Amino acid sequence: MDAMRLVILGAGGRMGRTLVRLASEAPEFAVAAAVERPGSAHLGDDAGTLAGVAALGVPVSDDLEAALREADGVIDFTAPAASVALALQTARRGLVHVIGTTGCSADDDAAIAAAGRDGARIVKSGNMSLGVNLLSVLVEQAARALGPDAFDLEILEMHHRHKVDAPSGTALLLGHAAAAGRGIDLADRSVRVRDGHTGPRPQGTIGFATLRGGSVVGDHEVILAGEGERITLKHHAEDRAIFARGALRAALWARSQPPGLYSMRDVLGL
């Protein structure tokens, strides 16, 4: 099979540059286009040079329509509104669309799912790393085995100071895994804020705590606290390359799948 032609969105950002670098080094991929927002200082730069590798002859552009005409797939770590709009275009063209965007609303997720039904091959996840997705499986199993009566469940996450959404997409991914293990709806049983005289902790809820600071790539802990014992499941991300590698693996996997909406669990066989 020919190399998969990828469009990298946000090519001037940290994740975009990492994706360009890794895709350019892998024979399974070809960087077909690199896209940035209109007005970006990186427009016209060679995507390879910008990523710290040899020039690729692919100038960074703001012409998404032209980029999609040359593509087999798109990797998208942007913003919810942009991801939803792009999903409509990838559906029309039958493209692979890997979405690592976080902060999506229920309506955003519904629109993305509809694009999968309409022809796109979408892989969407709050975290693309193998380790986090394995952790989500362990969290679901632990929540199911221990139950809500004997063990309280809290999710703690920390990211760099520039992150704009909270809780993180990864924290929510882990929260949904815990809720699935307990057979409950996370939206009905999650606690996002505690301030002032809150009273006793409601039994069976799933709590979230958010920290922001420095250059932290991503730390996540799931704490199951019982009487006289505590279990902690952790993941520490030390390099954004783990997310980029996962996204590339997802793109290659989705290329051979029928249209639909998939998760990283599907990609990894978890």
C-alpha atoms as a PDB file:
ATOM      1  CA  MET A   1       0.000   0.000   0.000  1.00  0.00           C
ATOM      2  CA  ASP A   2       1.227   3.498  -0.816  1.00  0.00           C
ATOM      3  CA  ALA A   3       2.354   5.812   1.969  1.00  0.00           C
ATOM      4  CA  MET A   4      -0.602   7.428   3.693  1.00  0.00           C
ATOM      5  CA  ARG A   5      -0.858  11.108   2.752  1.00  0.00           C
ATOM      6  CA  LEU A   6      -1.513  13.143   5.888  1.00  0.00           C
ATOM      7  CA  VAL A   7      -2.645  16.677   6.530  1.00  0.00           C
ATOM      8  CA  ILE A   8      -1.265  18.007   9.821  1.00  0.00           C
ATOM      9  CA  LEU A   9      -3.358  20.762  11.374  1.00  0.00           C
ATOM     10  CA  GLY A  10      -1.771  23.306  13.682  1.00  0.00           C
ATOM     11  CA  ALA A  11       1.575  22.541  12.068  1.00  0.00           C
ATOM     12  CA  GLY A  12       3.298  25.451  13.790  1.00  0.00           C
ATOM     13  CA  GLY A  13       2.363  24.357  17.307  1.00  0.00           C
ATOM     14  CA  ARG A  14       4.221  21.981  19.583  1.00  0.00           C
ATOM     15  CA  MET A  15       2.052  18.978  18.759  1.00  0.00           C
ATOM     16  CA  GLY A  16       1.906  19.836  15.066  1.00  0.00           C
ATOM     17  CA  ARG A  17       5.685  20.041  14.790  1.00  0.00           C
ATOM     18  CA  THR A  18       6.049  16.725  16.590  1.00  0.00           C
ATOM     19  CA  LEU A  19       3.550  15.095  14.221  1.00  0.00           C
ATOM     20  CA  VAL A  20       5.350  16.453  11.157  1.00  0.00           C
ATOM     21  CA  ARG A  21       8.688  15.217  12.470  1.00  0.00           C
ATOM     22  CA  LEU A  22       7.494  11.703  13.278  1.00  0.00           C
ATOM     23  CA  ALA A  23       5.422  11.339  10.102  1.00  0.00           C
ATOM     24  CA  SER A  24       8.350  12.468   7.956  1.00  0.00           C
ATOM     25  CA  GLU A  25      10.572   9.832   9.547  1.00  0.00           C
ATOM     26  CA  ALA A  26       8.140   6.923   9.022  1.00  0.00           C
ATOM     27  CA  PRO A  27       7.926   5.235   5.599  1.00  0.00           C
ATOM     28  CA  GLU A  28       4.221   4.510   6.133  1.00  0.00           C
ATOM     29  CA  PHE A  29       3.398   8.228   5.894  1.00  0.00           C
ATOM     30  CA  ALA A  30       3.886  11.238   3.660  1.00  0.00           C
ATOM     31  CA  VAL A  31       3.193  14.762   4.877  1.00  0.00           C
ATOM     32  CA  ALA A  32       0.876  15.952   2.108  1.00  0.00           C
ATOM     33  CA  ALA A  33       0.036  19.318   3.657  1.00  0.00           C
ATOM     34  CA  ALA A  34       0.640  21.375   6.781  1.00  0.00           C
ATOM     35  CA  VAL A  35      -2.073  23.820   7.793  1.00  0.00           C
ATOM     36  CA  GLU A  36      -2.120  26.792  10.148  1.00  0.00           C
ATOM     37  CA  ARG A  37      -4.722  29.423  10.948  1.00  0.00           C
ATOM     38  CA  PRO A  38      -4.982  32.513   8.740  1.00  0.00           C
ATOM     39  CA  GLY A  39      -2.516  35.152   9.851  1.00  0.00           C
ATOM     40  CA  SER A  40      -0.107  32.694  11.459  1.00  0.00           C
ATOM     41  CA  ALA A  41       3.516  33.801  11.463  1.00  0.00           C
ATOM     42  CA  HIS A  42       4.439  30.336  10.114  1.00  0.00           C
ATOM     43  CA  LEU A  43       2.557  30.598   6.809  1.00  0.00           C
ATOM     44  CA  GLY A  44       4.960  29.875   3.966  1.00  0.00           C
ATOM     45  CA  ASP A  45       7.535  28.152   6.187  1.00  0.00           C
ATOM     46  CA  ASP A  46       8.632  24.678   5.128  1.00  0.00           C
ATOM     47  CA  ALA A  47       6.868  22.208   7.438  1.00  0.00           C
ATOM     48  CA  GLY A  48       9.971  20.036   7.789  1.00  0.00           C
ATOM     49  CA  THR A  49      12.298  22.903   8.632  1.00  0.00           C
ATOM     50  CA  LEU A  50       9.751  24.196  11.137  1.00  0.00           C
ATOM     51  CA  ALA A  51       9.662  20.745  12.758  1.00  0.00           C
ATOM     52  CA  GLY A  52      13.459  20.561  12.987  1.00  0.00           C
ATOM     53  CA  VAL A  53      14.020  18.009  10.227  1.00  0.00           C
ATOM     54  CA  ALA A  54      15.077  18.263   6.584  1.00  0.00           C
ATOM     55  CA  ALA A  55      12.979  20.452   4.321  1.00  0.00           C
ATOM     56  CA  LEU A  56       9.976  18.564   2.933  1.00  0.00           C
ATOM     57  CA  GLY A  57       8.967  20.938   0.186  1.00  0.00           C
ATOM     58  CA  VAL A  58       5.620  21.343   1.971  1.00  0.00           C
ATOM     59  CA  PRO A  59       4.915  25.008   2.790  1.00  0.00           C
ATOM     60  CA  VAL A  60       2.624  25.752   5.712  1.00  0.00           C
ATOM     61  CA  SER A  61      -0.671  27.013   4.298  1.00  0.00           C
ATOM     62  CA  ASP A  62      -4.047  28.262   5.521  1.00  0.00           C
ATOM     63  CA  ASP A  63      -5.897  26.679   2.561  1.00  0.00           C
ATOM     64  CA  LEU A  64      -7.571  23.693   4.192  1.00  0.00           C
ATOM     65  CA  GLU A  65      -9.753  22.885   1.176  1.00  0.00           C
ATOM     66  CA  ALA A  66      -6.708  22.519  -1.079  1.00  0.00           C
ATOM     67  CA  ALA A  67      -4.928  20.444   1.565  1.00  0.00           C
ATOM     68  CA  LEU A  68      -7.816  17.974   1.858  1.00  0.00           C
ATOM     69  CA  ARG A  69      -7.826  17.341  -1.894  1.00  0.00           C
ATOM     70  CA  GLU A  70      -4.368  15.776  -1.553  1.00  0.00           C
ATOM     71  CA  ALA A  71      -5.057  13.727   1.579  1.00  0.00           C
ATOM     72  CA  ASP A  72      -5.883  10.252   2.767  1.00  0.00           C
ATOM     73  CA  GLY A  73      -6.247  11.465   6.341  1.00  0.00           C
ATOM     74  CA  VAL A  74      -6.091  14.396   8.741  1.00  0.00           C
ATOM     75  CA  ILE A  75      -4.631  14.621  12.234  1.00  0.00           C
ATOM     76  CA  ASP A  76      -6.428  17.217  14.284  1.00  0.00           C
ATOM     77  CA  PHE A  77      -5.384  18.544  17.712  1.00  0.00           C
ATOM     78  CA  THR A  78      -7.211  21.885  17.416  1.00  0.00           C
ATOM     79  CA  ALA A  79     -10.387  23.220  19.048  1.00  0.00           C
ATOM     80  CA  PRO A  80     -13.918  21.782  19.312  1.00  0.00           C
ATOM     81  CA  ALA A  81     -15.567  24.065  16.753  1.00  0.00           C
ATOM     82  CA  ALA A  82     -12.768  23.464  14.249  1.00  0.00           C
ATOM     83  CA  SER A  83     -12.888  19.697  14.749  1.00  0.00           C
ATOM     84  CA  VAL A  84     -16.656  19.575  14.225  1.00  0.00           C
ATOM     85  CA  ALA A  85     -16.433  21.657  11.038  1.00  0.00           C
ATOM     86  CA  LEU A  86     -13.578  19.505   9.759  1.00  0.00           C
ATOM     87  CA  ALA A  87     -15.497  16.290  10.509  1.00  0.00           C
ATOM     88  CA  LEU A  88     -18.204  17.401   8.073  1.00  0.00           C
ATOM     89  CA  GLN A  89     -15.563  17.826   5.371  1.00  0.00           C
ATOM     90  CA  THR A  90     -13.803  14.524   6.066  1.00  0.00           C
ATOM     91  CA  ALA A  91     -17.182  12.777   5.916  1.00  0.00           C
ATOM     92  CA  ARG A  92     -17.878  14.201   2.445  1.00  0.00           C
ATOM     93  CA  ARG A  93     -14.491  13.008   1.225  1.00  0.00           C
ATOM     94  CA  GLY A  94     -14.424   9.659   3.075  1.00  0.00           C
ATOM     95  CA  LEU A  95     -11.142  10.522   4.803  1.00  0.00           C
ATOM     96  CA  VAL A  96      -9.500   9.273   7.965  1.00  0.00           C
ATOM     97  CA  HIS A  97      -9.873  11.890  10.703  1.00  0.00           C
ATOM     98  CA  VAL A  98      -7.891  11.457  13.934  1.00  0.00           C
ATOM     99  CA  ILE A  99      -9.186  13.833  16.609  1.00  0.00           C
ATOM    100  CA  GLY A 100      -7.132  14.537  19.711  1.00  0.00           C
ATOM    101  CA  THR A 101      -9.070  17.723  20.471  1.00  0.00           C
ATOM    102  CA  THR A 102     -10.352  18.027  24.041  1.00  0.00           C
ATOM    103  CA  GLY A 103     -13.066  20.164  25.595  1.00  0.00           C
ATOM    104  CA  CYS A 104     -15.834  18.977  23.239  1.00  0.00           C
ATOM    105  CA  SER A 105     -19.436  19.382  24.389  1.00  0.00           C
ATOM    106  CA  ALA A 106     -22.110  16.699  24.105  1.00  0.00           C
ATOM    107  CA  ASP A 107     -23.396  18.457  20.970  1.00  0.00           C
ATOM    108  CA  ASP A 108     -19.878  18.495  19.488  1.00  0.00           C
ATOM    109  CA  ASP A 109     -19.505  14.774  20.148  1.00  0.00           C
ATOM    110  CA  ALA A 110     -22.889  14.078  18.566  1.00  0.00           C
ATOM    111  CA  ALA A 111     -21.910  15.998  15.422  1.00  0.00           C
ATOM    112  CA  ILE A 112     -18.607  14.122  15.188  1.00  0.00           C
ATOM    113  CA  ALA A 113     -20.384  10.778  15.623  1.00  0.00           C
ATOM    114  CA  ALA A 114     -22.778  11.745  12.818  1.00  0.00           C
ATOM    115  CA  ALA A 115     -19.808  12.479  10.549  1.00  0.00           C
ATOM    116  CA  GLY A 116     -18.579   8.948  11.211  1.00  0.00           C
ATOM    117  CA  ARG A 117     -21.928   7.571  10.116  1.00  0.00           C
ATOM    118  CA  ASP A 118     -21.810   9.761   7.009  1.00  0.00           C
ATOM    119  CA  GLY A 119     -18.511   8.473   5.645  1.00  0.00           C
ATOM    120  CA  ALA A 120     -15.538   9.607   7.735  1.00  0.00           C
ATOM    121  CA  ARG A 121     -13.242   7.147   9.475  1.00  0.00           C
ATOM    122  CA  ILE A 122     -12.885   8.938  12.792  1.00  0.00           C
ATOM    123  CA  VAL A 123     -10.717   7.992  15.745  1.00  0.00           C
ATOM    124  CA  LYS A 124     -11.399  10.335  18.666  1.00  0.00           C
ATOM    125  CA  SER A 125      -9.827  10.150  22.087  1.00  0.00           C
ATOM    126  CA  GLY A 126      -9.086  12.437  25.010  1.00  0.00           C
ATOM    127  CA  ASN A 127      -5.626  10.883  24.994  1.00  0.00           C
ATOM    128  CA  MET A 128      -3.810   9.043  22.221  1.00  0.00           C
ATOM    129  CA  SER A 129      -1.141   7.292  24.301  1.00  0.00           C
ATOM    130  CA  LEU A 130      -0.989   3.545  24.813  1.00  0.00           C
ATOM    131  CA  GLY A 131      -0.311   3.959  28.533  1.00  0.00           C
ATOM    132  CA  VAL A 132      -3.347   6.122  29.260  1.00  0.00           C
ATOM    133  CA  ASN A 133      -5.694   3.879  27.314  1.00  0.00           C
ATOM    134  CA  LEU A 134      -4.382   0.843  29.144  1.00  0.00           C
ATOM    135  CA  LEU A 135      -4.871   2.789  32.392  1.00  0.00           C
ATOM    136  CA  SER A 136      -8.499   3.454  31.436  1.00  0.00           C
ATOM    137  CA  VAL A 137      -9.095  -0.286  31.145  1.00  0.00           C
ATOM    138  CA  LEU A 138      -7.546  -0.878  34.573  1.00  0.00           C
ATOM    139  CA  VAL A 139      -9.642   1.920  36.081  1.00  0.00           C
ATOM    140  CA  GLU A 140     -12.825   0.431  34.669  1.00  0.00           C
ATOM    141  CA  GLN A 141     -11.921  -2.993  36.061  1.00  0.00           C
ATOM    142  CA  ALA A 142     -11.002  -1.597  39.479  1.00  0.00           C
ATOM    143  CA  ALA A 143     -14.179   0.491  39.703  1.00  0.00           C
ATOM    144  CA  ARG A 144     -16.271  -2.547  38.822  1.00  0.00           C
ATOM    145  CA  ALA A 145     -14.486  -4.850  41.262  1.00  0.00           C
ATOM    146  CA  LEU A 146     -14.411  -2.497  44.243  1.00  0.00           C
ATOM    147  CA  GLY A 147     -17.807  -0.846  43.838  1.00  0.00           C
ATOM    148  CA  PRO A 148     -19.014   2.557  45.060  1.00  0.00           C
ATOM    149  CA  ASP A 149     -19.989   1.583  48.597  1.00  0.00           C
ATOM    150  CA  ALA A 150     -16.598   0.617  50.013  1.00  0.00           C
ATOM    151  CA  PHE A 151     -14.300   2.823  47.880  1.00  0.00           C
ATOM    152  CA  ASP A 152     -14.496   6.501  46.995  1.00  0.00           C
ATOM    153  CA  LEU A 153     -13.021   7.439  43.629  1.00  0.00           C
ATOM    154  CA  GLU A 154     -11.096  10.653  42.882  1.00  0.00           C
ATOM    155  CA  ILE A 155      -9.270  11.737  39.713  1.00  0.00           C
ATOM    156  CA  LEU A 156      -6.376  14.201  40.006  1.00  0.00           C
ATOM    157  CA  GLU A 157      -4.749  15.780  36.946  1.00  0.00           C
ATOM    158  CA  MET A 158      -2.035  18.373  36.323  1.00  0.00           C
ATOM    159  CA  HIS A 159      -1.041  20.106  33.082  1.00  0.00           C
ATOM    160  CA  HIS A 160       1.034  23.053  31.924  1.00  0.00           C
ATOM    161  CA  ARG A 161      -0.126  26.611  32.556  1.00  0.00           C
ATOM    162  CA  HIS A 162      -1.305  27.136  28.964  1.00  0.00           C
ATOM    163  CA  LYS A 163      -3.989  24.421  28.933  1.00  0.00           C
ATOM    164  CA  VAL A 164      -7.412  26.002  28.477  1.00  0.00           C
ATOM    165  CA  ASP A 165      -9.897  23.230  29.345  1.00  0.00           C
ATOM    166  CA  ALA A 166     -10.552  21.533  32.672  1.00  0.00           C
ATOM    167  CA  PRO A 167     -10.870  18.767  33.638  1.00  0.00           C
ATOM    168  CA  SER A 168      -8.537  17.501  30.966  1.00  0.00           C
ATOM    169  CA  GLY A 169      -9.775  15.240  28.219  1.00  0.00           C
ATOM    170  CA  THR A 170      -7.719  12.457  29.762  1.00  0.00           C
ATOM    171  CA  ALA A 171      -9.282  12.977  33.183  1.00  0.00           C
ATOM    172  CA  LEU A 172     -12.734  12.762  31.613  1.00  0.00           C
ATOM    173  CA  LEU A 173     -11.709   9.652  29.663  1.00  0.00           C
ATOM    174  CA  LEU A 174     -10.712   8.051  32.976  1.00  0.00           C
ATOM    175  CA  GLY A 175     -13.898   9.300  34.619  1.00  0.00           C
ATOM    176  CA  HIS A 176     -16.031   7.706  31.913  1.00  0.00           C
ATOM    177  CA  ALA A 177     -14.078   4.465  32.346  1.00  0.00           C
ATOM    178  CA  ALA A 178     -14.763   4.515  36.091  1.00  0.00           C
ATOM    179  CA  ALA A 179     -18.429   5.302  35.509  1.00  0.00           C
ATOM    180  CA  ALA A 180     -18.696   2.435  33.019  1.00  0.00           C
ATOM    181  CA  GLY A 181     -17.183   0.105  35.591  1.00  0.00           C
ATOM    182  CA  ARG A 182     -19.773   1.196  38.132  1.00  0.00           C
ATOM    183  CA  GLY A 183     -22.635   1.185  35.635  1.00  0.00           C
ATOM    184  CA  ILE A 184     -23.507   4.859  36.164  1.00  0.00           C
ATOM    185  CA  ASP A 185     -23.690   8.041  34.078  1.00  0.00           C
ATOM    186  CA  LEU A 186     -20.669  10.242  34.765  1.00  0.00           C
ATOM    187  CA  ALA A 187     -22.629  13.430  34.062  1.00  0.00           C
ATOM    188  CA  ASP A 188     -25.012  12.620  36.917  1.00  0.00           C
ATOM    189  CA  ARG A 189     -22.403  11.541  39.467  1.00  0.00           C
ATOM    190  CA  SER A 190     -19.303  13.693  38.949  1.00  0.00           C
ATOM    191  CA  VAL A 191     -18.101  16.408  41.336  1.00  0.00           C
ATOM    192  CA  ARG A 192     -15.979  19.056  39.598  1.00  0.00           C
ATOM    193  CA  VAL A 193     -15.682  21.761  42.290  1.00  0.00           C
ATOM    194  CA  ARG A 194     -15.416  21.806  46.067  1.00  0.00           C
ATOM    195  CA  ASP A 195     -15.310  25.131  47.880  1.00  0.00           C
ATOM    196  CA  GLY A 196     -16.494  26.213  51.289  1.00  0.00           C
ATOM    197  CA  HIS A 197     -18.583  24.099  53.647  1.00  0.00           C
ATOM    198  CA  THR A 198     -19.491  21.257  51.301  1.00  0.00           C
ATOM    199  CA  GLY A 199     -20.665  18.691  53.829  1.00  0.00           C
ATOM    200  CA  PRO A 200     -19.774  14.986  53.682  1.00  0.00           C
ATOM    201  CA  ARG A 201     -18.722  13.456  50.395  1.00  0.00           C
ATOM    202  CA  PRO A 202     -21.785  12.037  48.562  1.00  0.00           C
ATOM    203  CA  GLN A 203     -21.459   8.290  48.286  1.00  0.00           C
ATOM    204  CA  GLY A 204     -20.809   6.892  44.830  1.00  0.00           C
ATOM    205  CA  THR A 205     -19.673  10.134  43.220  1.00  0.00           C
ATOM    206  CA  ILE A 206     -16.538  10.513  41.105  1.00  0.00           C
ATOM    207  CA  GLY A 207     -14.496  13.559  42.064  1.00  0.00           C
ATOM    208  CA  PHE A 208     -12.138  15.619  39.896  1.00  0.00           C
ATOM    209  CA  ALA A 209      -9.283  17.866  40.995  1.00  0.00           C
ATOM    210  CA  THR A 210      -7.412  20.067  38.508  1.00  0.00           C
ATOM    211  CA  LEU A 211      -3.907  21.535  38.828  1.00  0.00           C
ATOM    212  CA  ARG A 212      -2.195  23.863  36.342  1.00  0.00           C
ATOM    213  CA  GLY A 213       1.382  25.097  36.280  1.00  0.00           C
ATOM    214  CA  GLY A 214       4.778  25.164  34.647  1.00  0.00           C
ATOM    215  CA  SER A 215       5.473  22.966  31.646  1.00  0.00           C
ATOM    216  CA  VAL A 216       3.861  19.722  32.860  1.00  0.00           C
ATOM    217  CA  VAL A 217       2.944  17.583  29.842  1.00  0.00           C
ATOM    218  CA  GLY A 218       0.311  15.593  31.739  1.00  0.00           C
ATOM    219  CA  ASP A 219       0.022  13.783  35.075  1.00  0.00           C
ATOM    220  CA  HIS A 220      -3.040  11.747  36.023  1.00  0.00           C
ATOM    221  CA  GLU A 221      -3.919   9.789  39.155  1.00  0.00           C
ATOM    222  CA  VAL A 222      -7.004   7.743  39.916  1.00  0.00           C
ATOM    223  CA  ILE A 223      -7.389   7.215  43.655  1.00  0.00           C
ATOM    224  CA  LEU A 224      -9.702   4.587  45.114  1.00  0.00           C
ATOM    225  CA  ALA A 225      -9.931   5.270  48.846  1.00  0.00           C
ATOM    226  CA  GLY A 226     -11.484   2.764  51.210  1.00  0.00           C
ATOM    227  CA  GLU A 227     -11.500   2.254  54.960  1.00  0.00           C
ATOM    228  CA  GLY A 228      -7.899   1.574  55.968  1.00  0.00           C
ATOM    229  CA  GLU A 229      -6.510   1.248  52.437  1.00  0.00           C
ATOM    230  CA  ARG A 230      -5.987   3.271  49.289  1.00  0.00           C
ATOM    231  CA  ILE A 231      -5.216   2.231  45.718  1.00  0.00           C
ATOM    232  CA  THR A 232      -3.615   4.714  43.304  1.00  0.00           C
ATOM    233  CA  LEU A 233      -3.307   4.179  39.552  1.00  0.00           C
ATOM    234  CA  LYS A 234      -1.030   6.713  37.821  1.00  0.00           C
ATOM    235  CA  HIS A 235       0.237   7.827  34.445  1.00  0.00           C
ATOM    236  CA  HIS A 236       2.924  10.460  33.840  1.00  0.00           C
ATOM    237  CA  ALA A 237       3.438  11.829  30.319  1.00  0.00           C
ATOM    238  CA  GLU A 238       7.009  13.027  29.860  1.00  0.00           C
ATOM    239  CA  ASP A 239       7.055  13.770  26.118  1.00  0.00           C
ATOM    240  CA  ARG A 240       4.324  14.890  23.695  1.00  0.00           C
ATOM    241  CA  ALA A 241       5.714  12.386  21.218  1.00  0.00           C
ATOM    242  CA  ILE A 242       3.678   9.649  22.930  1.00  0.00           C
ATOM    243  CA  PHE A 243       0.462  11.368  21.787  1.00  0.00           C
ATOM    244  CA  ALA A 244       1.796  11.926  18.283  1.00  0.00           C
ATOM    245  CA  ARG A 245       2.866   8.283  17.939  1.00  0.00           C
ATOM    246  CA  GLY A 246      -0.570   7.167  19.073  1.00  0.00           C
ATOM    247  CA  ALA A 247      -2.278   9.500  16.602  1.00  0.00           C
ATOM    248  CA  LEU A 248      -0.183   8.184  13.721  1.00  0.00           C
ATOM    249  CA  ARG A 249      -0.910   4.615  14.740  1.00  0.00           C
ATOM    250  CA  ALA A 250      -4.618   5.473  14.837  1.00  0.00           C
ATOM    251  CA  ALA A 251      -4.509   7.007  11.360  1.00  0.00           C
ATOM    252  CA  LEU A 252      -2.864   3.951   9.855  1.00  0.00           C
ATOM    253  CA  TRP A 253      -5.316   1.611  11.593  1.00  0.00           C
ATOM    254  CA  ALA A 254      -8.379   3.624  10.557  1.00  0.00           C
ATOM    255  CA  ARG A 255      -7.315   3.610   6.905  1.00  0.00           C
ATOM    256  CA  SER A 256      -8.409  -0.031   6.618  1.00  0.00           C
ATOM    257  CA  GLN A 257     -11.647   0.325   8.615  1.00  0.00           C
ATOM    258  CA  PRO A 258     -15.181   1.061   7.402  1.00  0.00           C
ATOM    259  CA  PRO A 259     -16.619   4.518   8.094  1.00  0.00           C
ATOM    260  CA  GLY A 260     -17.513   5.094  11.734  1.00  0.00           C
ATOM    261  CA  LEU A 261     -16.451   6.585  15.039  1.00  0.00           C
ATOM    262  CA  TYR A 262     -13.731   4.680  16.897  1.00  0.00           C
ATOM    263  CA  SER A 263     -11.705   5.090  20.079  1.00  0.00           C
ATOM    264  CA  MET A 264      -8.098   4.352  20.918  1.00  0.00           C
ATOM    265  CA  ARG A 265      -9.309   1.232  22.668  1.00  0.00           C
ATOM    266  CA  ASP A 266     -10.437  -0.004  19.263  1.00  0.00           C
ATOM    267  CA  VAL A 267      -7.083   0.903  17.716  1.00  0.00           C
ATOM    268  CA  LEU A 268      -5.114  -0.849  20.433  1.00  0.00           C
ATOM    269  CA  GLY A 269      -7.407  -3.871  20.737  1.00  0.00           C
ATOM    270  CA  LEU A 270      -8.216  -3.078  24.366  1.00  0.00           C
END
